[in-house]
Amino acid sequence: MGLGITGDIPICGRWNGRSRPADVGVVRRNTFHLRGGPDPITFGAGIENGDIPIVGDWNGDGTADVGVVRENCFFLRGRREPIRYGSGIAHGDIPIVGAWDGAHDQIGIVHGKYFFLRHGDGSVSTITFGNGFAHGDLPITGRWDGESRTQIGVVRGNVFHLRHSDGSVTWRVFGDGACGGDVPLVGDWTGTGRDGIGVARKTKDFFKPDGDVVPYGNGFTITFAPPSTM
């Protein structure tokens, strides 16, 4: 068994443009409900049919849009054809999104402790970080330094390990961890260009380190058991 969520899947993004702070949302079946953003967006077939929701600024206009990953195909809303990359979640690939080149968001995968970042020209760079999902690490991405390029990180239990652009690592304890029912989130909560951490708790509340609590959605149920523990 791996990471599993039933009910509303928590997400976050800049629904209203680059100058606005990130806000939260939920994906319910194949509908993306964006708090403070546009009307609900129906896209994909839903997680019950194998779609994993993702969020990114696909065209570089500063506004986040939605997408789904189905096996090894990344379907990005507004793009006519999917991007095939990796081997799919069934073979251990975890999809990630980030502005690896500092412009619009691109796709990537995490396999074990290896982050494979696919660039705009189709080339791939590889970063080794963390211990891998089988050992309890959940991959995250964000602009920890306020730069245009996205960096990587992992959440182990309730500790966020953030890898910076110079290769250094900082960490912060926050929340109860996936085993305690928390899903880690990353977003620019202040609209300053620097991403911060947060968690969504199965009670339907979204928590940020500054003490801000946002109730949204209907809540969810999470199960987390890394493969190596079974």
Protein backbone atom coordinates (compact mmCIF):
# COMPACT_ATOMS: atom_id res chain seq x y z
CA MET A 1 0.00 0.00 0.00
CA GLY A 2 1.18 3.55 -0.70
CA LEU A 3 -0.28 7.01 -0.27
CA GLY A 4 -4.03 6.94 -0.84
CA ILE A 5 -6.66 9.67 -0.55
CA THR A 6 -10.41 9.23 -0.84
CA GLY A 7 -12.84 12.13 -0.88
CA ASP A 8 -11.62 15.63 -1.74
CA ILE A 9 -8.01 15.86 -2.91
CA PRO A 10 -6.38 19.09 -1.64
CA ILE A 11 -4.52 21.36 -4.08
CA CYS A 12 -3.28 24.95 -4.17
CA GLY A 13 -2.19 27.50 -6.76
CA ARG A 14 -2.35 31.10 -7.94
CA TRP A 15 -5.87 31.03 -9.35
CA ASN A 16 -5.95 34.82 -9.93
CA GLY A 17 -2.55 35.68 -11.36
CA ARG A 18 1.06 36.20 -10.37
CA SER A 19 0.43 39.27 -8.21
CA ARG A 20 -2.06 37.48 -5.98
CA PRO A 21 -1.27 35.02 -3.16
CA ALA A 22 -1.83 31.34 -3.71
CA ASP A 23 -5.10 29.90 -2.48
CA VAL A 24 -6.40 26.43 -1.82
CA GLY A 25 -8.75 24.13 -3.68
CA VAL A 26 -9.99 20.57 -3.86
CA VAL A 27 -10.48 18.02 -6.60
CA ARG A 28 -13.72 16.07 -6.27
CA ARG A 29 -13.91 13.22 -8.79
CA ASN A 30 -12.98 15.05 -12.03
CA THR A 31 -13.95 18.57 -10.96
CA PHE A 32 -11.44 21.12 -9.67
CA HIS A 33 -12.98 23.51 -7.12
CA LEU A 34 -10.71 26.56 -6.71
CA ARG A 35 -11.30 28.75 -3.64
CA GLY A 36 -11.50 32.40 -4.65
CA GLY A 37 -10.80 31.49 -8.26
CA PRO A 38 -12.83 30.88 -11.42
CA ASP A 39 -15.84 28.60 -11.67
CA PRO A 40 -15.21 24.88 -11.06
CA ILE A 41 -13.25 23.21 -13.87
CA THR A 42 -14.15 19.73 -15.06
CA PHE A 43 -11.13 17.97 -16.51
CA GLY A 44 -10.00 14.38 -16.84
CA ALA A 45 -11.71 11.20 -15.71
CA GLY A 46 -11.24 11.44 -11.94
CA ILE A 47 -8.92 9.69 -9.51
CA GLU A 48 -11.29 6.73 -9.28
CA ASN A 49 -10.41 6.12 -12.95
CA GLY A 50 -6.68 6.50 -12.51
CA ASP A 51 -6.16 10.27 -12.95
CA ILE A 52 -3.78 12.06 -10.58
CA PRO A 53 -4.52 15.82 -10.41
CA ILE A 54 -1.71 18.35 -10.88
CA VAL A 55 -1.57 22.15 -10.95
CA GLY A 56 0.83 24.42 -12.84
CA ASP A 57 1.29 27.60 -14.85
CA TRP A 58 1.52 25.88 -18.21
CA ASN A 59 1.82 29.02 -20.39
CA GLY A 60 3.77 31.40 -18.12
CA ASP A 61 1.00 33.97 -17.68
CA GLY A 62 1.22 33.79 -13.88
CA THR A 63 -2.09 32.00 -13.39
CA ALA A 64 -2.21 28.35 -12.34
CA ASP A 65 -4.18 25.90 -14.43
CA VAL A 66 -5.05 22.26 -13.93
CA GLY A 67 -4.03 18.93 -15.39
CA VAL A 68 -4.02 15.22 -14.72
CA VAL A 69 -1.52 12.38 -15.00
CA ARG A 70 -2.88 9.10 -16.35
CA GLU A 71 -0.32 6.31 -16.27
CA ASN A 72 2.68 8.00 -17.95
CA CYS A 73 0.70 10.66 -19.84
CA PHE A 74 0.57 14.25 -18.57
CA PHE A 75 -2.62 15.96 -19.77
CA LEU A 76 -2.26 19.73 -19.31
CA ARG A 77 -5.41 21.81 -19.74
CA GLY A 78 -5.02 24.07 -22.76
CA ARG A 79 -2.51 21.78 -24.46
CA ARG A 80 -3.82 19.70 -27.37
CA GLU A 81 -1.62 16.64 -26.92
CA PRO A 82 -0.48 14.91 -23.74
CA ILE A 83 3.19 14.60 -22.84
CA ARG A 84 4.40 11.04 -22.35
CA TYR A 85 7.08 10.83 -19.69
CA GLY A 86 8.29 8.14 -17.32
CA SER A 87 6.76 4.75 -16.66
CA GLY A 88 3.66 5.74 -14.70
CA ILE A 89 2.57 5.61 -11.07
CA ALA A 90 2.03 1.86 -11.25
CA HIS A 91 5.79 1.49 -11.80
CA GLY A 92 6.78 3.81 -8.96
CA ASP A 93 6.87 7.22 -10.69
CA ILE A 94 5.47 10.14 -8.68
CA PRO A 95 4.58 13.18 -10.86
CA ILE A 96 5.85 16.63 -9.91
CA VAL A 97 5.57 20.12 -11.42
CA GLY A 98 7.92 23.09 -11.34
CA ALA A 99 9.51 25.94 -13.28
CA TRP A 100 12.86 24.20 -13.71
CA ASP A 101 14.02 26.86 -16.21
CA GLY A 102 12.45 29.84 -14.45
CA ALA A 103 9.65 30.42 -16.96
CA HIS A 104 6.43 28.41 -17.23
CA ASP A 105 5.93 25.22 -15.25
CA GLN A 106 7.17 21.93 -16.63
CA ILE A 107 6.72 18.34 -15.60
CA GLY A 108 8.90 15.82 -13.85
CA ILE A 109 8.84 12.56 -11.95
CA VAL A 110 10.35 11.23 -8.77
CA HIS A 111 11.44 7.60 -8.76
CA GLY A 112 12.94 6.44 -5.50
CA LYS A 113 15.29 9.21 -4.37
CA TYR A 114 15.86 10.51 -7.90
CA PHE A 115 14.15 13.66 -9.17
CA PHE A 116 13.95 13.69 -12.99
CA LEU A 117 13.16 17.22 -14.20
CA ARG A 118 12.00 17.53 -17.81
CA HIS A 119 12.93 20.89 -19.35
CA GLY A 120 11.22 22.88 -22.07
CA ASP A 121 13.55 21.56 -24.77
CA GLY A 122 12.83 17.97 -23.78
CA SER A 123 16.14 17.44 -21.97
CA VAL A 124 16.16 15.96 -18.48
CA SER A 125 18.25 16.80 -15.43
CA THR A 126 18.52 14.48 -12.43
CA ILE A 127 18.91 15.38 -8.76
CA THR A 128 19.39 12.84 -6.01
CA PHE A 129 17.68 13.89 -2.78
CA GLY A 130 16.07 12.21 0.19
CA ASN A 131 15.47 8.52 0.81
CA GLY A 132 12.59 7.84 -1.58
CA PHE A 133 8.89 7.15 -1.11
CA ALA A 134 9.55 3.55 -0.05
CA HIS A 135 11.28 4.98 3.02
CA GLY A 136 8.60 7.52 3.85
CA ASP A 137 9.62 10.59 1.83
CA LEU A 138 6.92 12.56 0.00
CA PRO A 139 8.34 14.79 -2.78
CA ILE A 140 7.44 18.50 -2.94
CA THR A 141 8.56 21.43 -5.08
CA GLY A 142 8.58 25.18 -4.51
CA ARG A 143 10.41 28.49 -4.81
CA TRP A 144 12.06 28.39 -1.36
CA ASP A 145 14.44 31.25 -2.19
CA GLY A 146 12.05 33.58 -4.01
CA GLU A 147 13.84 32.92 -7.29
CA SER A 148 12.20 32.24 -10.64
CA ARG A 149 13.41 28.62 -10.69
CA THR A 150 11.61 25.98 -8.66
CA GLN A 151 13.55 23.87 -6.17
CA ILE A 152 12.79 20.45 -4.73
CA GLY A 153 12.21 18.98 -1.28
CA VAL A 154 10.79 16.06 0.64
CA VAL A 155 8.46 15.69 3.59
CA ARG A 156 9.45 12.94 6.03
CA GLY A 157 6.88 12.50 8.77
CA ASN A 158 6.12 16.08 9.81
CA VAL A 159 9.50 17.49 8.78
CA PHE A 160 9.83 19.50 5.55
CA HIS A 161 13.35 19.18 4.09
CA LEU A 162 13.89 21.96 1.53
CA ARG A 163 16.77 21.81 -0.96
CA HIS A 164 17.88 25.27 -2.09
CA SER A 165 19.36 26.36 -5.40
CA ASP A 166 22.91 26.30 -3.96
CA GLY A 167 22.46 22.69 -2.81
CA SER A 168 22.06 23.53 0.87
CA VAL A 169 19.16 22.10 2.85
CA THR A 170 16.97 23.63 5.53
CA TRP A 171 14.18 21.93 7.41
CA ARG A 172 11.08 22.82 9.37
CA VAL A 173 8.72 20.81 11.55
CA PHE A 174 5.05 21.43 10.80
CA GLY A 175 1.82 19.47 11.15
CA ASP A 176 1.30 15.85 12.11
CA GLY A 177 2.66 14.09 9.01
CA ALA A 178 0.90 11.82 6.52
CA CYS A 179 0.57 9.04 9.09
CA GLY A 180 -1.31 11.56 11.26
CA GLY A 181 -3.69 12.49 8.43
CA ASP A 182 -1.91 15.56 6.97
CA VAL A 183 -1.23 16.13 3.26
CA PRO A 184 1.69 18.53 2.65
CA LEU A 185 1.08 21.60 0.50
CA VAL A 186 3.26 24.35 -0.94
CA GLY A 187 2.13 27.82 -2.02
CA ASP A 188 3.07 31.48 -2.19
CA TRP A 189 0.74 32.44 0.67
CA THR A 190 1.88 36.10 0.75
CA GLY A 191 2.16 36.86 -2.97
CA THR A 192 5.84 37.81 -2.67
CA GLY A 193 7.26 35.15 -4.98
CA ARG A 194 8.55 32.94 -2.16
CA ASP A 195 6.71 29.69 -1.49
CA GLY A 196 5.82 28.55 1.99
CA ILE A 197 4.71 25.23 3.40
CA GLY A 198 1.35 24.10 4.74
CA VAL A 199 -0.80 21.05 5.32
CA ALA A 200 -4.33 19.97 4.55
CA ARG A 201 -5.94 18.02 7.36
CA LYS A 202 -8.65 15.43 6.78
CA THR A 203 -11.10 17.51 8.82
CA LYS A 204 -11.24 19.79 5.68
CA ASP A 205 -8.99 22.47 7.20
CA PHE A 206 -5.91 23.91 5.49
CA PHE A 207 -3.17 25.04 7.90
CA LYS A 208 -0.36 27.52 7.24
CA PRO A 209 2.65 28.19 9.51
CA ASP A 210 1.52 31.74 10.31
CA GLY A 211 -1.50 30.32 12.12
CA ASP A 212 -3.97 30.96 9.30
CA VAL A 213 -6.56 28.17 9.05
CA VAL A 214 -8.79 27.94 5.98
CA PRO A 215 -11.75 25.52 5.98
CA TYR A 216 -12.62 24.37 2.47
CA GLY A 217 -14.15 21.32 0.84
CA ASN A 218 -15.67 18.23 2.41
CA GLY A 219 -12.55 16.65 3.87
CA PHE A 220 -10.82 13.43 2.95
CA THR A 221 -9.47 10.16 4.27
CA ILE A 222 -5.77 9.39 3.89
CA THR A 223 -3.85 6.15 4.24
CA PHE A 224 -0.07 6.09 4.17
CA ALA A 225 2.08 2.99 4.34
CA PRO A 226 5.39 3.09 2.45
CA PRO A 227 5.98 -0.18 0.56
CA SER A 228 9.05 -1.06 2.60
CA THR A 229 6.99 -1.24 5.80
CA MET A 230 4.60 -3.89 4.51
